[in-house]
Amino acid sequence: MHRLLDHYLHSAHAADRMLAPHRNPIALGPPHPADTAKEPTDGGQALMWFTTKHAVLLAAVEQAAGTAAPCLATRLDADRVSSASRPRA
């Protein structure tokens, strides 16, 4: 489970950096060597990733908070997930 949560953490971080480069980034360790996640190349891809993964990301936050990985829940925080996938006006 930890590896899956770590995958979503790194993927969400990459997409967040694309959508909000001005935001202070969080410090992450390297992804798991077997992680094959691809970083988005533009804001459209990042927004599409957040939109399609929204429910999964919220569940990942809940799962991380309820396990021995509360630090992952803090880093993969629901506010960033929710605001990133919310339609922009």
PDB file of N, CA and C in Angstrom:
ATOM      1  N   MET A   1       0.829  -1.193   0.000  1.00  0.00           N
ATOM      2  CA  MET A   1       0.000   0.000   0.000  1.00  0.00           C
ATOM      3  C   MET A   1       0.872   1.254   0.000  1.00  0.00           C
ATOM      4  N   HIS A   2       1.962   1.200   0.758  1.00  0.00           N
ATOM      5  CA  HIS A   2       2.820   2.380   0.852  1.00  0.00           C
ATOM      6  C   HIS A   2       3.362   2.779  -0.522  1.00  0.00           C
ATOM      7  N   ARG A   3       3.722   1.783  -1.322  1.00  0.00           N
ATOM      8  CA  ARG A   3       4.261   2.073  -2.650  1.00  0.00           C
ATOM      9  C   ARG A   3       3.221   2.736  -3.544  1.00  0.00           C
ATOM     10  N   LEU A   4       1.977   2.289  -3.464  1.00  0.00           N
ATOM     11  CA  LEU A   4       0.896   2.893  -4.244  1.00  0.00           C
ATOM     12  C   LEU A   4       0.657   4.339  -3.804  1.00  0.00           C
ATOM     13  N   LEU A   5       0.622   4.561  -2.504  1.00  0.00           N
ATOM     14  CA  LEU A   5       0.433   5.920  -2.000  1.00  0.00           C
ATOM     15  C   LEU A   5       1.594   6.822  -2.417  1.00  0.00           C
ATOM     16  N   ASP A   6       2.799   6.275  -2.384  1.00  0.00           N
ATOM     17  CA  ASP A   6       3.970   7.039  -2.805  1.00  0.00           C
ATOM     18  C   ASP A   6       3.874   7.409  -4.290  1.00  0.00           C
ATOM     19  N   HIS A   7       3.365   6.497  -5.099  1.00  0.00           N
ATOM     20  CA  HIS A   7       3.169   6.768  -6.528  1.00  0.00           C
ATOM     21  C   HIS A   7       2.224   7.959  -6.718  1.00  0.00           C
ATOM     22  N   TYR A   8       1.090   7.930  -6.027  1.00  0.00           N
ATOM     23  CA  TYR A   8       0.137   9.028  -6.162  1.00  0.00           C
ATOM     24  C   TYR A   8       0.700  10.333  -5.605  1.00  0.00           C
ATOM     25  N   LEU A   9       1.478  10.239  -4.548  1.00  0.00           N
ATOM     26  CA  LEU A   9       2.106  11.435  -3.991  1.00  0.00           C
ATOM     27  C   LEU A   9       3.020  12.093  -5.025  1.00  0.00           C
ATOM     28  N   HIS A  10       3.895  11.326  -5.638  1.00  0.00           N
ATOM     29  CA  HIS A  10       4.819  11.899  -6.617  1.00  0.00           C
ATOM     30  C   HIS A  10       4.092  12.373  -7.873  1.00  0.00           C
ATOM     31  N   SER A  11       3.085  11.628  -8.295  1.00  0.00           N
ATOM     32  CA  SER A  11       2.320  12.040  -9.475  1.00  0.00           C
ATOM     33  C   SER A  11       1.551  13.329  -9.213  1.00  0.00           C
ATOM     34  N   ALA A  12       0.906  13.417  -8.052  1.00  0.00           N
ATOM     35  CA  ALA A  12       0.155  14.622  -7.702  1.00  0.00           C
ATOM     36  C   ALA A  12       1.095  15.815  -7.542  1.00  0.00           C
ATOM     37  N   HIS A  13       2.254  15.580  -6.972  1.00  0.00           N
ATOM     38  CA  HIS A  13       3.230  16.656  -6.796  1.00  0.00           C
ATOM     39  C   HIS A  13       3.661  17.208  -8.152  1.00  0.00           C
ATOM     40  N   ALA A  14       3.946  16.332  -9.109  1.00  0.00           N
ATOM     41  CA  ALA A  14       4.361  16.772 -10.440  1.00  0.00           C
ATOM     42  C   ALA A  14       3.252  17.573 -11.126  1.00  0.00           C
ATOM     43  N   ALA A  15       2.025  17.099 -11.020  1.00  0.00           N
ATOM     44  CA  ALA A  15       0.906  17.816 -11.634  1.00  0.00           C
ATOM     45  C   ALA A  15       0.661  19.152 -10.932  1.00  0.00           C
ATOM     46  N   ASP A  16       0.769  19.173  -9.617  1.00  0.00           N
ATOM     47  CA  ASP A  16       0.592  20.419  -8.857  1.00  0.00           C
ATOM     48  C   ASP A  16       1.655  21.437  -9.241  1.00  0.00           C
ATOM     49  N   ARG A  17       2.895  21.000  -9.418  1.00  0.00           N
ATOM     50  CA  ARG A  17       3.984  21.911  -9.800  1.00  0.00           C
ATOM     51  C   ARG A  17       3.714  22.514 -11.176  1.00  0.00           C
ATOM     52  N   MET A  18       3.093  21.737 -12.055  1.00  0.00           N
ATOM     53  CA  MET A  18       2.770  22.236 -13.388  1.00  0.00           C
ATOM     54  C   MET A  18       1.653  23.275 -13.321  1.00  0.00           C
ATOM     55  N   LEU A  19       0.651  23.044 -12.466  1.00  0.00           N
ATOM     56  CA  LEU A  19      -0.487  23.946 -12.369  1.00  0.00           C
ATOM     57  C   LEU A  19      -0.222  25.160 -11.487  1.00  0.00           C
ATOM     58  N   ALA A  20       0.643  25.015 -10.497  1.00  0.00           N
ATOM     59  CA  ALA A  20       0.893  26.108  -9.545  1.00  0.00           C
ATOM     60  C   ALA A  20       2.395  26.223  -9.261  1.00  0.00           C
ATOM     61  N   PRO A  21       3.161  26.643 -10.257  1.00  0.00           N
ATOM     62  CA  PRO A  21       4.609  26.706 -10.063  1.00  0.00           C
ATOM     63  C   PRO A  21       5.037  27.728  -9.016  1.00  0.00           C
ATOM     64  N   HIS A  22       4.161  28.678  -8.713  1.00  0.00           N
ATOM     65  CA  HIS A  22       4.461  29.714  -7.720  1.00  0.00           C
ATOM     66  C   HIS A  22       4.310  29.206  -6.280  1.00  0.00           C
ATOM     67  N   ARG A  23       3.586  28.092  -6.108  1.00  0.00           N
ATOM     68  CA  ARG A  23       3.355  27.542  -4.778  1.00  0.00           C
ATOM     69  C   ARG A  23       4.655  26.956  -4.232  1.00  0.00           C
ATOM     70  N   ASN A  24       4.899  27.122  -2.944  1.00  0.00           N
ATOM     71  CA  ASN A  24       6.086  26.536  -2.333  1.00  0.00           C
ATOM     72  C   ASN A  24       5.999  25.018  -2.436  1.00  0.00           C
ATOM     73  N   PRO A  25       6.986  24.401  -3.070  1.00  0.00           N
ATOM     74  CA  PRO A  25       6.930  22.942  -3.215  1.00  0.00           C
ATOM     75  C   PRO A  25       7.255  22.245  -1.905  1.00  0.00           C
ATOM     76  N   ILE A  26       6.685  21.074  -1.747  1.00  0.00           N
ATOM     77  CA  ILE A  26       7.028  20.259  -0.591  1.00  0.00           C
ATOM     78  C   ILE A  26       8.265  19.427  -0.949  1.00  0.00           C
ATOM     79  N   ALA A  27       9.030  19.081   0.053  1.00  0.00           N
ATOM     80  CA  ALA A  27      10.226  18.267  -0.174  1.00  0.00           C
ATOM     81  C   ALA A  27       9.829  16.798  -0.190  1.00  0.00           C
ATOM     82  N   LEU A  28      10.177  16.136  -1.253  1.00  0.00           N
ATOM     83  CA  LEU A  28       9.904  14.702  -1.384  1.00  0.00           C
ATOM     84  C   LEU A  28      11.206  13.953  -1.564  1.00  0.00           C
ATOM     85  N   GLY A  29      11.220  12.737  -1.073  1.00  0.00           N
ATOM     86  CA  GLY A  29      12.326  11.853  -1.387  1.00  0.00           C
ATOM     87  C   GLY A  29      12.133  11.345  -2.801  1.00  0.00           C
ATOM     88  N   PRO A  30      13.057  10.551  -3.283  1.00  0.00           N
ATOM     89  CA  PRO A  30      12.906  10.011  -4.642  1.00  0.00           C
ATOM     90  C   PRO A  30      11.754   9.012  -4.700  1.00  0.00           C
ATOM     91  N   PRO A  31      11.131   8.882  -5.871  1.00  0.00           N
ATOM     92  CA  PRO A  31      10.083   7.868  -6.009  1.00  0.00           C
ATOM     93  C   PRO A  31      10.693   6.470  -5.944  1.00  0.00           C
ATOM     94  N   HIS A  32       9.860   5.507  -5.721  1.00  0.00           N
ATOM     95  CA  HIS A  32      10.293   4.113  -5.713  1.00  0.00           C
ATOM     96  C   HIS A  32      10.935   3.804  -7.066  1.00  0.00           C
ATOM     97  N   PRO A  33      12.024   3.061  -7.091  1.00  0.00           N
ATOM     98  CA  PRO A  33      12.708   2.769  -8.356  1.00  0.00           C
ATOM     99  C   PRO A  33      11.811   2.128  -9.422  1.00  0.00           C
ATOM    100  N   ALA A  34      10.807   1.382  -9.003  1.00  0.00           N
ATOM    101  CA  ALA A  34       9.923   0.726  -9.971  1.00  0.00           C
ATOM    102  C   ALA A  34       8.776   1.634 -10.435  1.00  0.00           C
ATOM    103  N   ASP A  35       8.685   2.832  -9.895  1.00  0.00           N
ATOM    104  CA  ASP A  35       7.606   3.758 -10.261  1.00  0.00           C
ATOM    105  C   ASP A  35       7.815   4.245 -11.690  1.00  0.00           C
ATOM    106  N   THR A  36       6.811   4.056 -12.520  1.00  0.00           N
ATOM    107  CA  THR A  36       6.911   4.446 -13.925  1.00  0.00           C
ATOM    108  C   THR A  36       6.010   5.630 -14.262  1.00  0.00           C
ATOM    109  N   ALA A  37       5.604   6.384 -13.268  1.00  0.00           N
ATOM    110  CA  ALA A  37       4.724   7.531 -13.509  1.00  0.00           C
ATOM    111  C   ALA A  37       5.414   8.530 -14.428  1.00  0.00           C
ATOM    112  N   LYS A  38       4.638   9.105 -15.318  1.00  0.00           N
ATOM    113  CA  LYS A  38       5.151  10.130 -16.225  1.00  0.00           C
ATOM    114  C   LYS A  38       4.638  11.488 -15.768  1.00  0.00           C
ATOM    115  N   GLU A  39       5.505  12.471 -15.794  1.00  0.00           N
ATOM    116  CA  GLU A  39       5.111  13.817 -15.396  1.00  0.00           C
ATOM    117  C   GLU A  39       4.347  14.474 -16.540  1.00  0.00           C
ATOM    118  N   PRO A  40       3.344  15.290 -16.200  1.00  0.00           N
ATOM    119  CA  PRO A  40       2.629  16.000 -17.266  1.00  0.00           C
ATOM    120  C   PRO A  40       3.569  16.998 -17.952  1.00  0.00           C
ATOM    121  N   THR A  41       3.339  17.215 -19.228  1.00  0.00           N
ATOM    122  CA  THR A  41       4.189  18.138 -19.976  1.00  0.00           C
ATOM    123  C   THR A  41       3.597  19.538 -20.072  1.00  0.00           C
ATOM    124  N   ASP A  42       2.333  19.682 -19.685  1.00  0.00           N
ATOM    125  CA  ASP A  42       1.721  21.013 -19.697  1.00  0.00           C
ATOM    126  C   ASP A  42       0.550  21.048 -18.710  1.00  0.00           C
ATOM    127  N   GLY A  43      -0.001  22.241 -18.530  1.00  0.00           N
ATOM    128  CA  GLY A  43      -1.092  22.424 -17.584  1.00  0.00           C
ATOM    129  C   GLY A  43      -2.338  21.634 -17.937  1.00  0.00           C
ATOM    130  N   GLY A  44      -2.606  21.473 -19.218  1.00  0.00           N
ATOM    131  CA  GLY A  44      -3.777  20.702 -19.638  1.00  0.00           C
ATOM    132  C   GLY A  44      -3.680  19.244 -19.223  1.00  0.00           C
ATOM    133  N   GLN A  45      -2.508  18.660 -19.411  1.00  0.00           N
ATOM    134  CA  GLN A  45      -2.314  17.278 -18.981  1.00  0.00           C
ATOM    135  C   GLN A  45      -2.406  17.151 -17.468  1.00  0.00           C
ATOM    136  N   ALA A  46      -1.845  18.124 -16.759  1.00  0.00           N
ATOM    137  CA  ALA A  46      -1.884  18.082 -15.295  1.00  0.00           C
ATOM    138  C   ALA A  46      -3.320  18.169 -14.797  1.00  0.00           C
ATOM    139  N   LEU A  47      -4.094  19.084 -15.362  1.00  0.00           N
ATOM    140  CA  LEU A  47      -5.489  19.231 -14.949  1.00  0.00           C
ATOM    141  C   LEU A  47      -6.294  17.982 -15.292  1.00  0.00           C
ATOM    142  N   MET A  48      -6.044  17.402 -16.452  1.00  0.00           N
ATOM    143  CA  MET A  48      -6.748  16.180 -16.840  1.00  0.00           C
ATOM    144  C   MET A  48      -6.398  15.049 -15.880  1.00  0.00           C
ATOM    145  N   TRP A  49      -5.133  14.955 -15.471  1.00  0.00           N
ATOM    146  CA  TRP A  49      -4.728  13.916 -14.533  1.00  0.00           C
ATOM    147  C   TRP A  49      -5.469  14.083 -13.217  1.00  0.00           C
ATOM    148  N   PHE A  50      -5.489  15.309 -12.674  1.00  0.00           N
ATOM    149  CA  PHE A  50      -6.207  15.544 -11.422  1.00  0.00           C
ATOM    150  C   PHE A  50      -7.693  15.256 -11.573  1.00  0.00           C
ATOM    151  N   THR A  51      -8.263  15.623 -12.701  1.00  0.00           N
ATOM    152  CA  THR A  51      -9.697  15.402 -12.916  1.00  0.00           C
ATOM    153  C   THR A  51     -10.021  13.915 -12.948  1.00  0.00           C
ATOM    154  N   THR A  52      -9.216  13.139 -13.676  1.00  0.00           N
ATOM    155  CA  THR A  52      -9.518  11.713 -13.790  1.00  0.00           C
ATOM    156  C   THR A  52      -9.167  10.940 -12.517  1.00  0.00           C
ATOM    157  N   LYS A  53      -8.220  11.422 -11.749  1.00  0.00           N
ATOM    158  CA  LYS A  53      -7.776  10.719 -10.539  1.00  0.00           C
ATOM    159  C   LYS A  53      -8.375  11.284  -9.257  1.00  0.00           C
ATOM    160  N   HIS A  54      -9.266  12.245  -9.358  1.00  0.00           N
ATOM    161  CA  HIS A  54      -9.781  12.946  -8.179  1.00  0.00           C
ATOM    162  C   HIS A  54     -10.304  12.002  -7.094  1.00  0.00           C
ATOM    163  N   ALA A  55     -11.205  11.108  -7.444  1.00  0.00           N
ATOM    164  CA  ALA A  55     -11.785  10.190  -6.449  1.00  0.00           C
ATOM    165  C   ALA A  55     -10.710   9.274  -5.861  1.00  0.00           C
ATOM    166  N   VAL A  56      -9.806   8.807  -6.693  1.00  0.00           N
ATOM    167  CA  VAL A  56      -8.730   7.935  -6.223  1.00  0.00           C
ATOM    168  C   VAL A  56      -7.822   8.689  -5.249  1.00  0.00           C
ATOM    169  N   LEU A  57      -7.524   9.946  -5.572  1.00  0.00           N
ATOM    170  CA  LEU A  57      -6.647  10.739  -4.708  1.00  0.00           C
ATOM    171  C   LEU A  57      -7.291  11.006  -3.348  1.00  0.00           C
ATOM    172  N   LEU A  58      -8.561  11.314  -3.347  1.00  0.00           N
ATOM    173  CA  LEU A  58      -9.242  11.535  -2.069  1.00  0.00           C
ATOM    174  C   LEU A  58      -9.239  10.248  -1.238  1.00  0.00           C
ATOM    175  N   ALA A  59      -9.460   9.108  -1.891  1.00  0.00           N
ATOM    176  CA  ALA A  59      -9.408   7.832  -1.175  1.00  0.00           C
ATOM    177  C   ALA A  59      -7.993   7.545  -0.679  1.00  0.00           C
ATOM    178  N   ALA A  60      -6.992   7.918  -1.452  1.00  0.00           N
ATOM    179  CA  ALA A  60      -5.601   7.714  -1.045  1.00  0.00           C
ATOM    180  C   ALA A  60      -5.270   8.543   0.190  1.00  0.00           C
ATOM    181  N   VAL A  61      -5.781   9.768   0.249  1.00  0.00           N
ATOM    182  CA  VAL A  61      -5.561  10.610   1.425  1.00  0.00           C
ATOM    183  C   VAL A  61      -6.185   9.951   2.648  1.00  0.00           C
ATOM    184  N   GLU A  62      -7.412   9.474   2.509  1.00  0.00           N
ATOM    185  CA  GLU A  62      -8.088   8.811   3.629  1.00  0.00           C
ATOM    186  C   GLU A  62      -7.339   7.545   4.047  1.00  0.00           C
ATOM    187  N   GLN A  63      -6.897   6.764   3.071  1.00  0.00           N
ATOM    188  CA  GLN A  63      -6.172   5.524   3.362  1.00  0.00           C
ATOM    189  C   GLN A  63      -4.871   5.839   4.094  1.00  0.00           C
ATOM    190  N   ALA A  64      -4.142   6.821   3.611  1.00  0.00           N
ATOM    191  CA  ALA A  64      -2.865   7.175   4.241  1.00  0.00           C
ATOM    192  C   ALA A  64      -3.079   7.687   5.661  1.00  0.00           C
ATOM    193  N   ALA A  65      -4.128   8.468   5.860  1.00  0.00           N
ATOM    194  CA  ALA A  65      -4.406   9.005   7.196  1.00  0.00           C
ATOM    195  C   ALA A  65      -4.790   7.903   8.172  1.00  0.00           C
ATOM    196  N   GLY A  66      -5.403   6.845   7.673  1.00  0.00           N
ATOM    197  CA  GLY A  66      -5.857   5.769   8.545  1.00  0.00           C
ATOM    198  C   GLY A  66      -4.846   4.657   8.734  1.00  0.00           C
ATOM    199  N   THR A  67      -3.668   4.814   8.172  1.00  0.00           N
ATOM    200  CA  THR A  67      -2.637   3.784   8.285  1.00  0.00           C
ATOM    201  C   THR A  67      -1.425   4.347   9.014  1.00  0.00           C
ATOM    202  N   ALA A  68      -0.338   3.644   8.867  1.00  0.00           N
ATOM    203  CA  ALA A  68       0.911   4.088   9.487  1.00  0.00           C
ATOM    204  C   ALA A  68       1.620   5.115   8.611  1.00  0.00           C
ATOM    205  N   ALA A  69       0.927   5.724   7.682  1.00  0.00           N
ATOM    206  CA  ALA A  69       1.552   6.677   6.771  1.00  0.00           C
ATOM    207  C   ALA A  69       0.905   8.055   6.848  1.00  0.00           C
ATOM    208  N   PRO A  70       0.681   8.594   8.058  1.00  0.00           N
ATOM    209  CA  PRO A  70       0.036   9.904   8.133  1.00  0.00           C
ATOM    210  C   PRO A  70       0.857  10.998   7.472  1.00  0.00           C
ATOM    211  N   CYS A  71       2.167  10.833   7.375  1.00  0.00           N
ATOM    212  CA  CYS A  71       2.971  11.849   6.708  1.00  0.00           C
ATOM    213  C   CYS A  71       2.619  11.918   5.222  1.00  0.00           C
ATOM    214  N   LEU A  72       2.269  10.778   4.624  1.00  0.00           N
ATOM    215  CA  LEU A  72       1.832  10.799   3.230  1.00  0.00           C
ATOM    216  C   LEU A  72       0.497  11.514   3.102  1.00  0.00           C
ATOM    217  N   ALA A  73      -0.384  11.321   4.054  1.00  0.00           N
ATOM    218  CA  ALA A  73      -1.679  11.997   4.010  1.00  0.00           C
ATOM    219  C   ALA A  73      -1.489  13.502   4.096  1.00  0.00           C
ATOM    220  N   THR A  74      -0.557  13.936   4.920  1.00  0.00           N
ATOM    221  CA  THR A  74      -0.293  15.366   5.048  1.00  0.00           C
ATOM    222  C   THR A  74       0.251  15.923   3.747  1.00  0.00           C
ATOM    223  N   ARG A  75       1.155  15.194   3.138  1.00  0.00           N
ATOM    224  CA  ARG A  75       1.759  15.675   1.891  1.00  0.00           C
ATOM    225  C   ARG A  75       0.795  15.585   0.714  1.00  0.00           C
ATOM    226  N   LEU A  76       0.022  14.535   0.671  1.00  0.00           N
ATOM    227  CA  LEU A  76      -0.974  14.365  -0.385  1.00  0.00           C
ATOM    228  C   LEU A  76      -2.284  14.911   0.165  1.00  0.00           C
ATOM    229  N   ASP A  77      -2.295  16.196   0.409  1.00  0.00           N
ATOM    230  CA  ASP A  77      -3.410  16.747   1.172  1.00  0.00           C
ATOM    231  C   ASP A  77      -4.641  17.025   0.330  1.00  0.00           C
ATOM    232  N   ALA A  78      -5.778  16.804   0.952  1.00  0.00           N
ATOM    233  CA  ALA A  78      -7.056  16.881   0.248  1.00  0.00           C
ATOM    234  C   ALA A  78      -7.342  18.271  -0.301  1.00  0.00           C
ATOM    235  N   ASP A  79      -6.855  19.320   0.344  1.00  0.00           N
ATOM    236  CA  ASP A  79      -7.111  20.663  -0.165  1.00  0.00           C
ATOM    237  C   ASP A  79      -6.445  20.876  -1.519  1.00  0.00           C
ATOM    238  N   ARG A  80      -5.203  20.436  -1.655  1.00  0.00           N
ATOM    239  CA  ARG A  80      -4.528  20.568  -2.953  1.00  0.00           C
ATOM    240  C   ARG A  80      -5.217  19.708  -3.993  1.00  0.00           C
ATOM    241  N   VAL A  81      -5.560  18.491  -3.626  1.00  0.00           N
ATOM    242  CA  VAL A  81      -6.229  17.590  -4.557  1.00  0.00           C
ATOM    243  C   VAL A  81      -7.550  18.194  -5.003  1.00  0.00           C
ATOM    244  N   SER A  82      -8.333  18.679  -4.049  1.00  0.00           N
ATOM    245  CA  SER A  82      -9.644  19.233  -4.381  1.00  0.00           C
ATOM    246  C   SER A  82      -9.535  20.509  -5.206  1.00  0.00           C
ATOM    247  N   SER A  83      -8.630  21.405  -4.833  1.00  0.00           N
ATOM    248  CA  SER A  83      -8.539  22.670  -5.567  1.00  0.00           C
ATOM    249  C   SER A  83      -7.951  22.467  -6.943  1.00  0.00           C
ATOM    250  N   ALA A  84      -7.055  21.514  -7.100  1.00  0.00           N
ATOM    251  CA  ALA A  84      -6.439  21.285  -8.416  1.00  0.00           C
ATOM    252  C   ALA A  84      -7.434  20.711  -9.415  1.00  0.00           C
ATOM    253  N   SER A  85      -8.366  19.915  -8.953  1.00  0.00           N
ATOM    254  CA  SER A  85      -9.301  19.292  -9.880  1.00  0.00           C
ATOM    255  C   SER A  85     -10.608  20.053 -10.029  1.00  0.00           C
ATOM    256  N   ARG A  86     -10.745  21.156  -9.306  1.00  0.00           N
ATOM    257  CA  ARG A  86     -11.937  21.974  -9.410  1.00  0.00           C
ATOM    258  C   ARG A  86     -11.891  22.777 -10.704  1.00  0.00           C
ATOM    259  N   PRO A  87     -12.983  22.855 -11.450  1.00  0.00           N
ATOM    260  CA  PRO A  87     -12.979  23.662 -12.673  1.00  0.00           C
ATOM    261  C   PRO A  87     -12.632  25.114 -12.366  1.00  0.00           C
ATOM    262  N   ARG A  88     -11.873  25.695 -13.249  1.00  0.00           N
ATOM    263  CA  ARG A  88     -11.469  27.088 -13.088  1.00  0.00           C
ATOM    264  C   ARG A  88     -12.476  28.001 -13.762  1.00  0.00           C
ATOM    265  N   ALA A  89     -12.742  29.143 -13.139  1.00  0.00           N
ATOM    266  CA  ALA A  89     -13.724  30.100 -13.704  1.00  0.00           C
ATOM    267  C   ALA A  89     -13.105  30.901 -14.825  1.00  0.00           C
TER     268      ALA A  89
END
